[in-house]
C-alpha atoms as a PDB file:
ATOM      1  CA  GLN A   1      -0.168  -0.077  -0.120  1.00  0.00           C
ATOM      2  CA  VAL A   2       2.954   2.338   0.520  1.00  0.00           C
ATOM      3  CA  GLN A   3       4.780   3.384  -2.817  1.00  0.00           C
ATOM      4  CA  LEU A   4       8.147   5.132  -2.837  1.00  0.00           C
ATOM      5  CA  VAL A   5       9.482   7.196  -5.868  1.00  0.00           C
ATOM      6  CA  GLU A   6      12.842   8.170  -5.677  1.00  0.00           C
ATOM      7  CA  SER A   7      14.704  10.920  -7.646  1.00  0.00           C
ATOM      8  CA  GLY A   8      17.926  13.139  -7.879  1.00  0.00           C
ATOM      9  CA  GLY A   9      20.562  10.506  -8.797  1.00  0.00           C
ATOM     10  CA  GLY A  10      23.166  11.216 -11.312  1.00  0.00           C
ATOM     11  CA  LEU A  11      26.946  11.650 -12.280  1.00  0.00           C
ATOM     12  CA  VAL A  12      28.924  13.863 -10.229  1.00  0.00           C
ATOM     13  CA  GLN A  13      32.572  14.539  -9.671  1.00  0.00           C
ATOM     14  CA  PRO A  14      34.499  13.844  -6.452  1.00  0.00           C
ATOM     15  CA  GLY A  15      33.789  16.512  -3.948  1.00  0.00           C
ATOM     16  CA  GLY A  16      30.698  17.496  -5.627  1.00  0.00           C
ATOM     17  CA  SER A  17      27.152  17.300  -4.170  1.00  0.00           C
ATOM     18  CA  LEU A  18      23.758  15.645  -4.697  1.00  0.00           C
ATOM     19  CA  ARG A  19      20.305  15.754  -3.202  1.00  0.00           C
ATOM     20  CA  LEU A  20      18.090  12.708  -3.393  1.00  0.00           C
ATOM     21  CA  SER A  21      14.412  12.755  -2.617  1.00  0.00           C
ATOM     22  CA  CYS A  22      11.689   9.948  -1.966  1.00  0.00           C
ATOM     23  CA  ALA A  23       8.176  10.664  -2.058  1.00  0.00           C
ATOM     24  CA  ALA A  24       5.810   8.227  -0.333  1.00  0.00           C
ATOM     25  CA  SER A  25       2.348   7.651  -1.041  1.00  0.00           C
ATOM     26  CA  GLY A  26      -0.285   5.395   0.768  1.00  0.00           C
ATOM     27  CA  LEU A  27      -0.863   5.354   4.423  1.00  0.00           C
ATOM     28  CA  LEU A  28       1.884   5.950   6.607  1.00  0.00           C
ATOM     29  CA  PHE A  29       1.759   5.276  10.249  1.00  0.00           C
ATOM     30  CA  SER A  30       3.274   7.791  12.899  1.00  0.00           C
ATOM     31  CA  LEU A  31       5.547   4.699  14.198  1.00  0.00           C
ATOM     32  CA  ASN A  32       7.736   4.650  11.226  1.00  0.00           C
ATOM     33  CA  GLN A  33      11.373   5.105   9.952  1.00  0.00           C
ATOM     34  CA  MET A  34      12.392   6.454   6.633  1.00  0.00           C
ATOM     35  CA  GLY A  35      15.880   5.968   5.335  1.00  0.00           C
ATOM     36  CA  TRP A  36      18.140   5.416   2.639  1.00  0.00           C
ATOM     37  CA  TYR A  37      20.318   2.222   1.857  1.00  0.00           C
ATOM     38  CA  ARG A  38      22.753   1.806  -0.812  1.00  0.00           C
ATOM     39  CA  GLN A  39      24.454  -1.166  -2.693  1.00  0.00           C
ATOM     40  CA  ALA A  40      27.416  -1.124  -4.900  1.00  0.00           C
ATOM     41  CA  PRO A  41      28.253  -4.006  -7.193  1.00  0.00           C
ATOM     42  CA  GLY A  42      29.626  -6.928  -5.183  1.00  0.00           C
ATOM     43  CA  LYS A  43      28.804  -5.553  -1.918  1.00  0.00           C
ATOM     44  CA  GLN A  44      25.968  -5.742   0.639  1.00  0.00           C
ATOM     45  CA  ARG A  45      23.319  -3.428   0.827  1.00  0.00           C
ATOM     46  CA  GLU A  46      23.962  -1.209   3.769  1.00  0.00           C
ATOM     47  CA  LEU A  47      22.101   1.554   5.752  1.00  0.00           C
ATOM     48  CA  VAL A  48      23.360   4.952   4.869  1.00  0.00           C
ATOM     49  CA  ALA A  49      20.836   7.213   6.964  1.00  0.00           C
ATOM     50  CA  ALA A  50      17.521   6.936   8.806  1.00  0.00           C
ATOM     51  CA  ILE A  51      15.271   9.248  10.414  1.00  0.00           C
ATOM     52  CA  THR A  52      12.470   8.438  12.595  1.00  0.00           C
ATOM     53  CA  GLY A  53       8.814   9.696  12.954  1.00  0.00           C
ATOM     54  CA  GLY A  54      10.029  11.830  15.558  1.00  0.00           C
ATOM     55  CA  GLY A  55      12.870  13.390  13.694  1.00  0.00           C
ATOM     56  CA  MET A  56      15.964  11.370  15.277  1.00  0.00           C
ATOM     57  CA  THR A  57      18.536  10.464  12.844  1.00  0.00           C
ATOM     58  CA  ASN A  58      21.203   7.896  12.417  1.00  0.00           C
ATOM     59  CA  TYR A  59      24.168   7.725   9.870  1.00  0.00           C
ATOM     60  CA  ALA A  60      26.551   5.152   8.907  1.00  0.00           C
ATOM     61  CA  ASP A  61      30.083   6.173  10.139  1.00  0.00           C
ATOM     62  CA  SER A  62      31.364   6.642   6.684  1.00  0.00           C
ATOM     63  CA  VAL A  63      28.957   9.076   5.630  1.00  0.00           C
ATOM     64  CA  LYS A  64      28.807  11.007   9.016  1.00  0.00           C
ATOM     65  CA  GLY A  65      29.701  14.770   8.550  1.00  0.00           C
ATOM     66  CA  ARG A  66      29.080  14.397   4.794  1.00  0.00           C
ATOM     67  CA  PHE A  67      25.306  13.335   4.339  1.00  0.00           C
ATOM     68  CA  THR A  68      22.215  14.769   5.775  1.00  0.00           C
ATOM     69  CA  ILE A  69      18.891  13.151   6.087  1.00  0.00           C
ATOM     70  CA  SER A  70      15.686  15.296   6.498  1.00  0.00           C
ATOM     71  CA  LYS A  71      11.975  15.056   5.984  1.00  0.00           C
ATOM     72  CA  ASP A  72       9.322  17.497   4.836  1.00  0.00           C
ATOM     73  CA  ASN A  73       6.766  18.732   7.358  1.00  0.00           C
ATOM     74  CA  ALA A  74       4.009  16.090   6.672  1.00  0.00           C
ATOM     75  CA  GLY A  75       6.695  13.551   6.808  1.00  0.00           C
ATOM     76  CA  ASN A  76       6.045  12.136   3.405  1.00  0.00           C
ATOM     77  CA  THR A  77       8.998  12.822   1.690  1.00  0.00           C
ATOM     78  CA  VAL A  78      12.734  12.149   2.814  1.00  0.00           C
ATOM     79  CA  TYR A  79      15.768  13.813   1.355  1.00  0.00           C
ATOM     80  CA  LEU A  80      19.475  12.857   1.431  1.00  0.00           C
ATOM     81  CA  GLN A  81      21.719  15.775   1.119  1.00  0.00           C
ATOM     82  CA  MET A  82      25.110  14.421  -0.143  1.00  0.00           C
ATOM     83  CA  ASN A  83      28.113  16.537   0.083  1.00  0.00           C
ATOM     84  CA  SER A  84      32.085  15.890  -0.444  1.00  0.00           C
ATOM     85  CA  LEU A  85      30.953  12.695  -2.482  1.00  0.00           C
ATOM     86  CA  LYS A  86      33.910  10.150  -2.791  1.00  0.00           C
ATOM     87  CA  PRO A  87      34.250   7.431  -5.468  1.00  0.00           C
ATOM     88  CA  GLU A  88      33.308   4.849  -2.819  1.00  0.00           C
ATOM     89  CA  ASP A  89      29.812   6.451  -2.645  1.00  0.00           C
ATOM     90  CA  THR A  90      29.085   5.058  -6.004  1.00  0.00           C
ATOM     91  CA  ALA A  91      26.095   2.745  -5.649  1.00  0.00           C
ATOM     92  CA  VAL A  92      22.488   2.293  -6.135  1.00  0.00           C
ATOM     93  CA  TYR A  93      20.520   4.294  -3.587  1.00  0.00           C
ATOM     94  CA  TYR A  94      17.251   2.937  -2.233  1.00  0.00           C
ATOM     95  CA  CYS A  95      14.557   4.760  -0.339  1.00  0.00           C
ATOM     96  CA  ASN A  96      13.241   2.589   2.521  1.00  0.00           C
ATOM     97  CA  VAL A  97      10.159   3.036   4.884  1.00  0.00           C
ATOM     98  CA  LYS A  98       9.653   0.754   7.812  1.00  0.00           C
ATOM     99  CA  ILE A  99       6.275   0.765   9.702  1.00  0.00           C
ATOM    100  CA  PHE A 100       6.364  -0.740  13.012  1.00  0.00           C
ATOM    101  CA  VAL A 101       2.743  -2.019  13.347  1.00  0.00           C
ATOM    102  CA  ARG A 102       2.681  -5.789  14.528  1.00  0.00           C
ATOM    103  CA  GLY A 103       6.107  -6.133  13.525  1.00  0.00           C
ATOM    104  CA  VAL A 104       7.853  -4.327  10.837  1.00  0.00           C
ATOM    105  CA  ASP A 105       7.032  -3.946   7.255  1.00  0.00           C
ATOM    106  CA  ASN A 106       9.523  -2.698   4.808  1.00  0.00           C
ATOM    107  CA  TYR A 107       8.839  -0.728   1.577  1.00  0.00           C
ATOM    108  CA  TRP A 108      11.513  -0.033  -0.839  1.00  0.00           C
ATOM    109  CA  GLY A 109      11.868   2.533  -3.830  1.00  0.00           C
ATOM    110  CA  GLN A 110      13.050   1.571  -7.185  1.00  0.00           C
ATOM    111  CA  GLY A 111      16.484   2.642  -6.559  1.00  0.00           C
ATOM    112  CA  THR A 112      18.506   5.526  -8.188  1.00  0.00           C
ATOM    113  CA  GLN A 113      22.169   5.321  -9.490  1.00  0.00           C
ATOM    114  CA  VAL A 114      24.583   7.700  -7.939  1.00  0.00           C
ATOM    115  CA  THR A 115      28.073   7.497  -9.804  1.00  0.00           C
ATOM    116  CA  VAL A 116      30.879   9.727  -8.454  1.00  0.00           C
ATOM    117  CA  SER A 117      33.697   9.754 -10.785  1.00  0.00           C
ATOM    118  CA  SER A 118      36.065  12.203 -12.823  1.00  0.00           C
END
């Protein structure tokens, strides 16, 4: 019932910036978490950043100080501001919503490619 549409990926040079967005439609519960995962070729999918319904955030150590996650006032759109990008940030980035009602339900966006290269 929850659909996620991502945008904002692309090609950027090292040191550059990109801003990803993810718009959620459908019923979102107050007890939820929105975030971003990424997966590079040959590597496991990893959590990049997450934000709770109450606005608390968490980041992977590899992106702390460079990436910022945020939500709009309605809580239906999540953003990932990525600064000081490095080649190792190259991956497909996936928006994720977790809804904690009778367990946890995961919803995923289609993925957007981020490539950091000269």
